[in-house]
N, C-alpha and C. Protein backbone atom coordinates (compact mmCIF):
# COMPACT_ATOMS: atom_id res chain seq x y z
N MET A 1 11.04 65.13 -42.47
CA MET A 1 11.91 65.52 -43.47
C MET A 1 13.12 64.87 -43.47
N GLN A 2 13.82 65.04 -44.64
CA GLN A 2 14.75 64.07 -45.00
C GLN A 2 15.84 64.61 -44.28
N HIS A 3 17.14 63.93 -43.65
CA HIS A 3 18.10 64.17 -43.13
C HIS A 3 19.20 64.81 -44.29
N LEU A 4 20.28 65.77 -43.82
CA LEU A 4 21.42 66.28 -44.91
C LEU A 4 22.28 65.11 -45.14
N SER A 5 22.90 65.14 -46.22
CA SER A 5 24.23 64.50 -46.27
C SER A 5 25.43 64.86 -47.18
N ARG A 6 26.13 64.52 -47.12
CA ARG A 6 27.44 65.38 -47.87
C ARG A 6 26.90 65.63 -49.03
N GLU A 7 26.45 64.83 -49.83
CA GLU A 7 25.74 65.23 -51.26
C GLU A 7 24.83 66.51 -51.43
N ASN A 8 24.13 66.83 -50.24
CA ASN A 8 23.51 68.22 -49.92
C ASN A 8 24.38 69.36 -49.91
N LEU A 9 25.42 69.23 -49.53
CA LEU A 9 26.34 70.06 -49.28
C LEU A 9 27.09 70.73 -50.38
N MET A 10 27.42 71.99 -50.37
CA MET A 10 28.46 72.74 -50.97
C MET A 10 29.75 72.52 -50.65
N SER A 11 31.03 72.71 -51.45
CA SER A 11 32.01 72.46 -50.98
C SER A 11 32.32 73.89 -50.56
N LEU A 12 33.65 73.95 -50.02
CA LEU A 12 33.69 75.56 -49.25
C LEU A 12 33.94 76.71 -50.23
N GLU A 13 34.45 76.23 -51.54
CA GLU A 13 34.50 77.03 -52.78
C GLU A 13 33.21 77.59 -53.44
N GLN A 14 32.49 76.43 -53.40
CA GLN A 14 31.12 76.87 -53.84
C GLN A 14 30.32 77.23 -53.00
N TYR A 15 30.29 77.29 -51.31
CA TYR A 15 29.57 78.10 -50.83
C TYR A 15 30.44 79.50 -50.55
N ALA A 16 31.48 79.53 -50.86
CA ALA A 16 32.05 81.09 -50.93
C ALA A 16 31.17 81.93 -51.76
N ALA A 17 31.06 80.88 -52.78
CA ALA A 17 30.47 81.84 -53.81
C ALA A 17 28.71 82.14 -54.24
N ALA A 18 28.35 81.42 -53.46
CA ALA A 18 26.97 81.40 -53.09
C ALA A 18 26.61 81.92 -51.54
N ARG A 19 27.55 81.84 -50.96
CA ARG A 19 27.03 82.66 -49.65
C ARG A 19 26.13 83.78 -49.54
N PRO A 20 26.39 84.56 -49.98
CA PRO A 20 25.60 86.10 -49.96
C PRO A 20 24.05 85.88 -50.37
N ALA A 21 23.73 84.99 -51.50
CA ALA A 21 22.33 84.80 -51.66
C ALA A 21 21.75 83.63 -50.97
N PHE A 22 22.59 82.76 -50.97
CA PHE A 22 21.94 81.72 -49.56
C PHE A 22 21.39 82.31 -48.44
N ARG A 23 22.59 83.34 -48.06
CA ARG A 23 22.28 83.79 -46.49
C ARG A 23 21.27 84.50 -46.40
N ALA A 24 20.99 85.07 -47.57
CA ALA A 24 19.72 86.27 -47.74
C ALA A 24 18.33 85.21 -47.70
N GLU A 25 18.36 84.37 -48.59
CA GLU A 25 17.36 83.22 -48.56
C GLU A 25 16.90 82.87 -47.37
N VAL A 26 17.86 81.90 -46.59
CA VAL A 26 17.77 81.69 -45.02
C VAL A 26 17.17 82.70 -43.88
N LEU A 27 17.93 83.78 -44.00
CA LEU A 27 17.48 84.53 -43.01
C LEU A 27 15.60 85.27 -43.43
N ALA A 28 15.33 85.13 -44.56
CA ALA A 28 14.11 85.63 -45.07
C ALA A 28 13.19 84.25 -44.73
N HIS A 29 13.68 83.28 -44.82
CA HIS A 29 13.11 81.97 -44.61
C HIS A 29 12.81 81.86 -42.93
N LYS A 30 13.83 82.18 -42.05
CA LYS A 30 13.74 82.18 -40.77
C LYS A 30 12.80 82.94 -40.01
N ARG A 31 12.51 84.35 -40.91
CA ARG A 31 11.43 85.55 -40.25
C ARG A 31 10.30 84.97 -40.01
N ASP A 32 9.78 83.67 -40.74
CA ASP A 32 8.40 82.85 -40.49
C ASP A 32 8.54 82.12 -39.29
N ARG A 33 9.88 81.82 -39.02
CA ARG A 33 9.79 80.51 -38.09
C ARG A 33 10.42 80.85 -36.84
N GLN A 34 10.64 82.05 -36.33
CA GLN A 34 10.54 82.89 -35.19
C GLN A 34 9.39 83.34 -34.22
N VAL A 35 9.25 82.93 -33.48
CA VAL A 35 8.17 83.31 -32.40
C VAL A 35 8.74 83.96 -30.99
N ALA A 36 8.56 84.86 -30.82
CA ALA A 36 8.92 86.03 -29.42
C ALA A 36 7.49 85.37 -28.33
N ILE A 37 8.08 84.93 -27.26
CA ILE A 37 7.19 84.51 -26.07
C ILE A 37 7.66 85.39 -25.02
N GLY A 38 6.90 86.72 -25.22
CA GLY A 38 7.18 87.65 -24.11
C GLY A 38 8.45 88.48 -24.54
N PRO A 39 8.90 89.29 -23.57
CA PRO A 39 9.98 90.14 -24.07
C PRO A 39 11.34 89.46 -24.08
N HIS A 40 11.53 88.26 -23.71
CA HIS A 40 12.96 87.55 -23.15
C HIS A 40 13.12 86.02 -23.57
N ALA A 41 12.02 85.77 -24.67
CA ALA A 41 12.08 84.33 -24.83
C ALA A 41 11.88 84.38 -26.42
N THR A 42 12.49 83.61 -27.19
CA THR A 42 11.96 83.22 -28.43
C THR A 42 12.45 81.46 -29.19
N LEU A 43 11.31 81.20 -29.68
CA LEU A 43 11.25 79.96 -30.49
C LEU A 43 11.89 80.21 -31.43
N CYS A 44 12.77 79.44 -32.21
CA CYS A 44 13.39 79.45 -33.47
C CYS A 44 13.18 78.29 -34.28
N PHE A 45 12.29 77.99 -34.69
CA PHE A 45 11.77 76.74 -35.16
C PHE A 45 13.10 76.35 -36.51
N GLU A 46 13.21 75.12 -36.11
CA GLU A 46 14.63 74.62 -37.63
C GLU A 46 13.95 73.48 -38.43
N ASP A 47 14.36 73.16 -39.47
CA ASP A 47 14.20 72.67 -40.47
C ASP A 47 15.33 72.17 -41.22
N ARG A 48 15.26 71.61 -42.55
CA ARG A 48 16.49 71.02 -42.96
C ARG A 48 17.29 72.55 -43.62
N LEU A 49 16.57 73.26 -43.96
CA LEU A 49 17.31 74.51 -44.45
C LEU A 49 18.03 75.27 -43.71
N THR A 50 17.64 75.37 -42.51
CA THR A 50 18.21 76.06 -41.42
C THR A 50 19.46 75.34 -40.70
N MET A 51 19.26 74.26 -40.91
CA MET A 51 20.21 73.33 -40.45
C MET A 51 21.14 73.08 -41.68
N GLN A 52 21.04 73.24 -42.80
CA GLN A 52 21.49 73.01 -44.02
C GLN A 52 22.55 74.23 -44.06
N TYR A 53 22.02 75.42 -43.53
CA TYR A 53 22.64 76.81 -43.41
C TYR A 53 23.76 76.51 -42.37
N GLN A 54 23.49 76.36 -41.25
CA GLN A 54 24.32 76.21 -40.14
C GLN A 54 25.20 75.42 -40.21
N VAL A 55 25.06 73.96 -40.84
CA VAL A 55 26.40 73.08 -41.69
C VAL A 55 27.40 73.88 -42.32
N GLN A 56 26.60 74.45 -43.23
CA GLN A 56 27.61 75.18 -44.45
C GLN A 56 28.62 76.15 -43.53
N GLU A 57 27.72 77.06 -42.60
CA GLU A 57 28.51 78.05 -41.54
C GLU A 57 29.68 77.30 -40.84
N MET A 58 29.24 76.60 -40.17
CA MET A 58 30.38 75.69 -39.36
C MET A 58 31.18 75.38 -40.28
N LEU A 59 31.22 74.57 -41.17
CA LEU A 59 32.37 73.98 -41.95
C LEU A 59 33.06 75.20 -42.86
N ARG A 60 32.90 76.31 -43.13
CA ARG A 60 33.22 77.49 -43.47
C ARG A 60 33.90 78.38 -42.43
N ILE A 61 33.43 78.43 -41.44
CA ILE A 61 34.33 78.98 -40.03
C ILE A 61 35.48 78.20 -39.89
N GLU A 62 35.51 76.77 -39.75
CA GLU A 62 36.31 75.84 -39.09
C GLU A 62 37.04 75.45 -40.39
N ARG A 63 36.99 75.86 -41.50
CA ARG A 63 37.65 75.42 -42.80
C ARG A 63 37.76 73.74 -42.82
N VAL A 64 36.68 73.11 -42.45
CA VAL A 64 36.53 71.57 -42.70
C VAL A 64 35.88 71.24 -44.14
N PHE A 65 36.78 70.57 -44.41
CA PHE A 65 36.68 70.05 -46.04
C PHE A 65 36.87 68.61 -46.14
N GLU A 66 37.55 67.84 -44.85
CA GLU A 66 37.59 66.40 -44.89
C GLU A 66 36.31 65.46 -44.60
N ALA A 67 36.27 64.33 -45.30
CA ALA A 67 34.83 63.80 -45.11
C ALA A 67 34.66 63.45 -43.76
N GLU A 68 35.68 63.30 -42.41
CA GLU A 68 35.13 62.87 -41.17
C GLU A 68 34.69 64.20 -40.56
N GLY A 69 34.97 65.09 -40.86
CA GLY A 69 34.92 66.49 -40.41
C GLY A 69 33.42 66.75 -40.65
N ILE A 70 33.14 66.85 -41.84
CA ILE A 70 31.79 66.93 -42.24
C ILE A 70 30.91 65.88 -41.62
N GLU A 71 30.89 64.61 -41.40
CA GLU A 71 30.23 63.76 -41.19
C GLU A 71 29.84 63.89 -39.73
N ASP A 72 30.82 64.71 -38.85
CA ASP A 72 30.79 65.14 -37.43
C ASP A 72 29.77 66.12 -37.57
N GLU A 73 30.26 67.38 -38.68
CA GLU A 73 28.98 68.21 -38.03
C GLU A 73 27.38 67.96 -38.52
N LEU A 74 27.59 67.18 -39.57
CA LEU A 74 26.28 66.34 -39.69
C LEU A 74 25.67 65.66 -38.74
N SER A 75 26.29 65.05 -38.32
CA SER A 75 25.85 64.24 -36.81
C SER A 75 25.28 65.13 -35.72
N ALA A 76 26.10 66.25 -35.73
CA ALA A 76 25.63 67.20 -34.61
C ALA A 76 24.04 67.58 -34.94
N TYR A 77 23.94 68.22 -36.14
CA TYR A 77 22.84 69.25 -36.70
C TYR A 77 21.59 68.34 -37.30
N ASN A 78 21.84 67.09 -37.67
CA ASN A 78 20.65 66.45 -38.41
C ASN A 78 19.66 66.11 -37.45
N PRO A 79 19.77 65.80 -35.93
CA PRO A 79 18.74 65.45 -35.26
C PRO A 79 17.93 66.86 -34.66
N LEU A 80 18.13 67.86 -35.17
CA LEU A 80 17.54 69.12 -35.11
C LEU A 80 16.69 69.33 -36.45
N ILE A 81 16.62 68.38 -37.06
CA ILE A 81 15.50 68.85 -38.50
C ILE A 81 14.32 67.73 -37.82
N PRO A 82 13.00 68.53 -38.35
CA PRO A 82 12.00 67.90 -37.68
C PRO A 82 11.78 66.66 -38.46
N ASP A 83 11.20 65.57 -37.93
CA ASP A 83 10.73 64.18 -38.48
C ASP A 83 9.40 63.80 -39.32
N GLY A 84 8.82 65.05 -39.22
CA GLY A 84 7.42 64.67 -40.16
C GLY A 84 6.25 64.62 -38.64
N SER A 85 6.53 64.37 -37.49
CA SER A 85 5.52 64.54 -36.68
C SER A 85 5.82 65.42 -35.41
N ASN A 86 6.85 66.30 -35.72
CA ASN A 86 7.37 67.06 -34.58
C ASN A 86 7.60 68.54 -35.21
N TRP A 87 7.87 69.80 -34.13
CA TRP A 87 8.61 70.59 -34.51
C TRP A 87 9.85 71.01 -33.42
N LYS A 88 10.85 71.02 -34.46
CA LYS A 88 12.15 71.31 -33.26
C LYS A 88 12.74 72.89 -33.39
N ALA A 89 13.12 73.37 -32.23
CA ALA A 89 13.37 74.56 -32.10
C ALA A 89 14.76 74.71 -31.21
N THR A 90 15.13 76.21 -31.39
CA THR A 90 16.01 76.48 -30.56
C THR A 90 15.49 77.46 -29.81
N PHE A 91 15.65 77.26 -28.76
CA PHE A 91 14.96 78.03 -27.78
C PHE A 91 16.40 79.30 -27.13
N MET A 92 15.58 80.58 -27.02
CA MET A 92 16.82 81.28 -26.32
C MET A 92 15.97 82.24 -25.45
N VAL A 93 16.85 82.19 -24.25
CA VAL A 93 16.30 83.47 -23.37
C VAL A 93 17.23 84.38 -23.31
N GLU A 94 17.08 85.64 -23.71
CA GLU A 94 17.87 86.68 -24.06
C GLU A 94 17.54 87.98 -23.30
N TYR A 95 18.70 88.17 -22.29
CA TYR A 95 18.50 89.59 -21.96
C TYR A 95 19.84 89.89 -22.38
N GLU A 96 20.07 91.66 -22.58
CA GLU A 96 20.91 92.34 -23.14
C GLU A 96 22.26 92.39 -21.77
N ASP A 97 21.44 93.08 -20.60
CA ASP A 97 22.43 93.13 -19.50
C ASP A 97 23.13 92.03 -18.81
N ILE A 98 24.46 91.69 -18.39
CA ILE A 98 24.90 90.53 -18.22
C ILE A 98 24.36 90.10 -16.82
N GLU A 99 24.15 91.15 -16.25
CA GLU A 99 23.76 90.90 -14.60
C GLU A 99 22.48 90.79 -14.56
N GLU A 100 21.71 91.47 -15.46
CA GLU A 100 19.97 90.86 -15.48
C GLU A 100 19.99 89.53 -15.90
N ARG A 101 20.72 89.19 -16.89
CA ARG A 101 20.92 87.60 -17.54
C ARG A 101 21.26 86.65 -16.64
N ARG A 102 22.20 86.92 -15.94
CA ARG A 102 22.49 85.96 -14.88
C ARG A 102 21.46 85.85 -13.77
N ALA A 103 21.09 86.91 -13.27
CA ALA A 103 19.83 86.47 -12.13
C ALA A 103 18.70 86.00 -13.04
N ALA A 104 18.43 86.25 -14.04
CA ALA A 104 17.31 85.71 -14.91
C ALA A 104 17.36 84.02 -14.95
N LEU A 105 18.69 83.74 -15.43
CA LEU A 105 19.01 82.59 -15.31
C LEU A 105 18.72 81.49 -14.39
N THR A 106 18.89 82.15 -13.18
CA THR A 106 19.25 81.71 -11.81
C THR A 106 17.57 81.32 -11.56
N ASN A 107 16.56 82.16 -12.01
CA ASN A 107 15.34 82.35 -11.50
C ASN A 107 14.39 81.52 -12.52
N LEU A 108 14.96 80.98 -13.52
CA LEU A 108 14.42 80.49 -14.94
C LEU A 108 14.63 78.86 -14.60
N VAL A 109 15.11 78.52 -13.64
CA VAL A 109 15.59 76.93 -13.80
C VAL A 109 14.41 76.03 -14.27
N GLY A 110 14.36 75.21 -15.39
CA GLY A 110 13.23 74.53 -15.66
C GLY A 110 12.51 75.22 -16.76
N ILE A 111 12.96 76.46 -17.20
CA ILE A 111 11.76 76.97 -18.34
C ILE A 111 11.73 76.12 -19.48
N GLU A 112 13.18 75.47 -19.80
CA GLU A 112 12.83 75.13 -21.16
C GLU A 112 11.81 73.48 -21.19
N THR A 113 11.28 73.38 -20.04
CA THR A 113 10.38 72.05 -20.18
C THR A 113 8.92 72.88 -20.03
N ARG A 114 8.86 74.33 -19.88
CA ARG A 114 7.64 74.54 -19.57
C ARG A 114 7.02 75.56 -20.74
N ALA A 115 8.00 75.22 -22.13
CA ALA A 115 7.61 75.90 -22.98
C ALA A 115 6.37 75.15 -23.99
N TRP A 116 5.31 75.62 -24.53
CA TRP A 116 4.41 74.64 -24.96
C TRP A 116 4.00 74.85 -26.33
N VAL A 117 3.29 74.29 -27.07
CA VAL A 117 2.52 74.95 -28.37
C VAL A 117 1.48 74.28 -28.32
N GLN A 118 0.29 74.72 -28.96
CA GLN A 118 -1.20 74.15 -28.49
C GLN A 118 -1.77 74.16 -30.11
N VAL A 119 -2.05 73.29 -30.73
CA VAL A 119 -2.97 73.11 -32.06
C VAL A 119 -4.27 73.47 -31.63
N ALA A 120 -5.16 74.31 -32.48
CA ALA A 120 -6.07 74.95 -31.89
C ALA A 120 -7.46 73.26 -31.78
N GLY A 121 -7.84 73.35 -30.09
CA GLY A 121 -8.96 72.29 -30.43
C GLY A 121 -8.25 71.12 -29.57
N PHE A 122 -6.86 71.16 -29.44
CA PHE A 122 -6.02 70.13 -28.84
C PHE A 122 -5.38 70.45 -27.37
N GLU A 123 -4.97 69.56 -26.48
CA GLU A 123 -4.15 69.85 -25.30
C GLU A 123 -3.05 70.42 -25.81
N ARG A 124 -2.57 70.89 -24.83
CA ARG A 124 -1.33 71.84 -24.98
C ARG A 124 -0.07 70.85 -25.18
N VAL A 125 1.00 70.88 -25.67
CA VAL A 125 2.10 70.04 -26.06
C VAL A 125 3.26 70.44 -25.19
N TYR A 126 3.67 70.07 -24.36
CA TYR A 126 5.15 70.83 -23.48
C TYR A 126 6.32 70.09 -24.28
N ALA A 127 7.41 71.07 -24.44
CA ALA A 127 9.08 70.31 -24.69
C ALA A 127 9.50 69.58 -24.54
N ILE A 128 10.31 68.80 -25.18
CA ILE A 128 11.17 67.80 -24.46
C ILE A 128 12.53 68.42 -24.57
N ALA A 129 12.99 68.80 -23.89
CA ALA A 129 14.24 69.43 -23.84
C ALA A 129 15.76 68.98 -23.82
N ASP A 130 16.52 69.59 -24.57
CA ASP A 130 17.86 69.00 -24.39
C ASP A 130 18.10 67.58 -24.53
N GLU A 131 17.58 66.91 -25.79
CA GLU A 131 18.28 65.61 -25.60
C GLU A 131 19.29 65.09 -26.10
N ASP A 132 20.10 66.27 -26.58
CA ASP A 132 21.84 65.85 -27.24
C ASP A 132 22.68 65.65 -25.42
N LEU A 133 22.24 66.89 -24.68
CA LEU A 133 22.91 66.88 -23.36
C LEU A 133 22.02 67.80 -22.58
N GLU A 134 22.56 67.72 -21.51
CA GLU A 134 22.04 68.59 -20.29
C GLU A 134 22.75 69.82 -20.34
N ARG A 135 21.89 71.00 -20.39
CA ARG A 135 22.38 72.00 -20.60
C ARG A 135 21.96 73.04 -19.23
N ALA A 136 21.45 72.60 -18.32
CA ALA A 136 21.14 73.41 -17.13
C ALA A 136 21.13 72.70 -15.98
N THR A 137 21.59 73.05 -14.74
CA THR A 137 21.93 72.36 -13.56
C THR A 137 20.86 72.90 -12.59
N GLU A 138 20.81 72.37 -11.48
CA GLU A 138 19.54 72.81 -10.27
C GLU A 138 19.82 74.16 -9.90
N ASP A 139 20.92 74.96 -10.20
CA ASP A 139 21.03 76.51 -9.76
C ASP A 139 20.54 77.37 -10.90
N LYS A 140 21.01 76.85 -11.82
CA LYS A 140 20.68 77.95 -13.24
C LYS A 140 20.27 77.17 -14.46
N THR A 141 19.59 78.02 -15.33
CA THR A 141 19.18 77.23 -16.59
C THR A 141 20.44 77.99 -17.57
N SER A 142 20.28 77.34 -18.93
CA SER A 142 21.06 77.86 -19.95
C SER A 142 20.38 78.97 -20.90
N ALA A 143 21.03 79.91 -21.60
CA ALA A 143 20.58 80.75 -22.38
C ALA A 143 20.30 80.09 -23.68
N VAL A 144 20.56 79.11 -24.06
CA VAL A 144 20.06 78.54 -25.12
C VAL A 144 19.60 76.90 -24.81
N HIS A 145 18.73 76.38 -25.62
CA HIS A 145 18.16 75.28 -25.35
C HIS A 145 17.71 74.51 -26.80
N PHE A 146 17.57 73.11 -26.79
CA PHE A 146 16.74 72.53 -27.98
C PHE A 146 15.75 71.93 -27.73
N LEU A 147 14.71 72.44 -28.16
CA LEU A 147 13.17 71.82 -27.75
C LEU A 147 12.97 70.91 -29.09
N ARG A 148 11.98 69.62 -28.65
CA ARG A 148 11.26 69.12 -29.70
C ARG A 148 10.10 69.12 -29.12
N PHE A 149 8.89 69.08 -29.69
CA PHE A 149 7.47 69.20 -29.45
C PHE A 149 6.77 68.16 -30.52
N GLU A 150 6.49 67.12 -29.55
CA GLU A 150 6.34 65.80 -30.39
C GLU A 150 4.28 66.02 -30.58
N LEU A 151 4.00 66.10 -31.91
CA LEU A 151 2.43 66.01 -31.82
C LEU A 151 1.99 64.76 -32.40
N THR A 152 0.45 64.55 -32.32
CA THR A 152 0.02 63.50 -32.77
C THR A 152 -0.55 63.44 -34.26
N ARG A 153 -0.94 62.48 -34.60
CA ARG A 153 -0.92 62.52 -36.44
C ARG A 153 -2.53 63.43 -36.54
N ALA A 154 -3.41 63.51 -35.50
CA ALA A 154 -4.62 64.26 -35.70
C ALA A 154 -4.08 65.95 -35.53
N MET A 155 -3.18 66.37 -34.63
CA MET A 155 -2.84 67.74 -34.19
C MET A 155 -1.91 68.00 -35.85
N ALA A 156 -1.27 67.03 -36.18
CA ALA A 156 -0.54 67.59 -37.45
C ALA A 156 -1.60 67.57 -38.71
N ALA A 157 -2.66 66.84 -38.97
CA ALA A 157 -3.77 66.92 -39.89
C ALA A 157 -4.73 68.25 -39.85
N ALA A 158 -4.67 68.49 -38.36
CA ALA A 158 -5.43 69.71 -38.05
C ALA A 158 -4.63 71.03 -38.68
N VAL A 159 -3.15 70.86 -38.28
CA VAL A 159 -2.39 71.91 -38.46
C VAL A 159 -2.32 72.35 -40.03
N ASN A 160 -2.29 70.76 -40.90
CA ASN A 160 -2.06 70.91 -42.56
C ASN A 160 -3.83 71.56 -42.84
N GLY A 161 -4.75 71.28 -41.82
CA GLY A 161 -5.86 71.94 -42.42
C GLY A 161 -6.21 73.24 -42.22
N GLY A 162 -5.15 73.67 -41.75
CA GLY A 162 -5.12 75.42 -41.46
C GLY A 162 -5.82 75.89 -39.81
N VAL A 163 -5.85 74.81 -39.06
CA VAL A 163 -6.21 75.48 -38.00
C VAL A 163 -5.07 76.66 -36.99
N ALA A 164 -5.47 77.32 -36.29
CA ALA A 164 -4.39 78.19 -35.45
C ALA A 164 -3.56 77.47 -34.70
N ILE A 165 -2.45 78.02 -34.28
CA ILE A 165 -1.44 77.45 -33.42
C ILE A 165 -0.89 78.69 -32.47
N ALA A 166 -1.25 78.32 -31.11
CA ALA A 166 -0.72 78.82 -30.13
C ALA A 166 0.41 78.54 -29.09
N MET A 167 1.45 79.38 -28.75
CA MET A 167 2.61 78.91 -27.85
C MET A 167 2.67 79.80 -26.89
N GLY A 168 3.55 79.49 -25.83
CA GLY A 168 3.61 80.04 -24.80
C GLY A 168 4.60 79.53 -24.10
N ILE A 169 4.90 80.35 -22.33
CA ILE A 169 5.55 79.64 -21.39
C ILE A 169 4.92 79.90 -20.16
N GLU A 170 4.87 78.58 -19.27
CA GLU A 170 4.19 78.67 -18.58
C GLU A 170 5.25 78.27 -17.25
N HIS A 171 5.77 79.18 -16.87
CA HIS A 171 6.91 79.00 -15.69
C HIS A 171 6.44 79.88 -14.66
N GLU A 172 6.82 79.68 -13.32
CA GLU A 172 6.56 80.37 -12.11
C GLU A 172 7.01 81.93 -12.29
N ALA A 173 8.01 82.16 -12.93
CA ALA A 173 8.60 83.15 -12.69
C ALA A 173 8.82 83.83 -14.65
N TYR A 174 8.04 83.04 -15.50
CA TYR A 174 7.86 83.84 -16.61
C TYR A 174 6.74 83.35 -17.39
N ARG A 175 5.75 84.12 -17.41
CA ARG A 175 4.41 83.57 -18.23
C ARG A 175 3.79 84.59 -19.18
N TYR A 176 4.09 83.81 -20.50
CA TYR A 176 3.76 84.85 -21.79
C TYR A 176 2.97 83.68 -22.48
N ALA A 177 1.96 83.81 -23.48
CA ALA A 177 1.42 83.52 -24.76
C ALA A 177 1.44 84.10 -26.05
N VAL A 178 1.09 83.50 -26.76
CA VAL A 178 0.97 83.94 -28.32
C VAL A 178 0.00 83.33 -28.62
N ALA A 179 -1.35 83.66 -28.51
CA ALA A 179 -2.88 83.15 -28.80
C ALA A 179 -3.06 82.53 -30.09
N ALA A 180 -2.09 83.29 -31.21
CA ALA A 180 -1.93 82.59 -32.69
C ALA A 180 -0.78 82.96 -33.13
N VAL A 181 0.08 82.10 -33.56
CA VAL A 181 1.39 82.92 -34.50
C VAL A 181 0.60 83.07 -36.02
N PRO A 182 1.20 83.99 -36.44
CA PRO A 182 0.98 84.63 -37.45
C PRO A 182 0.68 83.43 -38.77
N GLU A 183 -0.22 83.74 -39.86
CA GLU A 183 -0.48 82.83 -40.62
C GLU A 183 0.96 82.56 -41.45
N SER A 184 1.88 83.29 -42.02
CA SER A 184 3.06 82.85 -42.54
C SER A 184 3.66 81.93 -41.56
N THR A 185 4.03 82.07 -40.48
CA THR A 185 4.34 81.03 -39.55
C THR A 185 3.74 79.80 -39.40
N ARG A 186 2.51 79.80 -39.33
CA ARG A 186 1.41 78.55 -39.35
C ARG A 186 1.70 78.11 -40.30
N ARG A 187 1.99 78.50 -41.61
CA ARG A 187 1.91 77.95 -43.09
C ARG A 187 3.53 77.04 -42.95
N SER A 188 4.35 78.08 -42.65
CA SER A 188 5.80 77.55 -42.52
C SER A 188 5.88 76.13 -41.50
N LEU A 189 5.29 76.28 -40.21
CA LEU A 189 5.53 74.96 -39.54
C LEU A 189 4.63 73.82 -39.84
N ALA A 190 3.45 74.26 -40.54
CA ALA A 190 2.63 73.01 -41.28
C ALA A 190 3.52 72.06 -42.46
N ALA A 191 4.65 72.73 -43.01
CA ALA A 191 5.20 72.31 -43.92
C ALA A 191 6.29 71.03 -43.28
N ASP A 192 6.47 71.38 -41.79
CA ASP A 192 7.35 70.25 -41.30
C ASP A 192 6.61 68.86 -40.87
N LEU A 193 5.35 69.00 -41.49
CA LEU A 193 4.26 67.76 -40.66
C LEU A 193 4.14 66.79 -41.78
N ILE A 194 3.86 65.81 -41.68
CA ILE A 194 3.48 64.88 -42.61
C ILE A 194 1.92 64.42 -42.56
């Protein structure tokens, strides 16, 4: 997938006018790109559209309109756009209760590298986590991680051919799997692959 450039973005004024419709489009798009893994973990698969929305929102919130600031946002978010041979996801560990979350994040150290995807007929592919910066310590993990699942050409061809995709987490304190993602999710993820 092609990275975003300044030419792909709306000005703050244009975005203010387009935001309600654009936001609705992106939220509908994201529904097919989110996979709950058990009761407390979600993979939100990113692509060019989700990152364009993220950049536009950051520019709006921070009131950034100068070229240098825009380039900084693009540099931060372009790495989360799939490269054609991978899926990139925001991985969230979610507990509503603060104390429960604190305890869970201590027990789930390393969970980010135990998330996996599996194209039917192939071995599991485990996540490469947090390439931008370390988000965990030896005592606790973060509630948010950025993951990359690198696929072979054969896996990508199989996904584009319509085979099922399974996902899961294999951590000593958290073991859940989705035997096959919904067809709408499979189609959306197939669009990320060359």
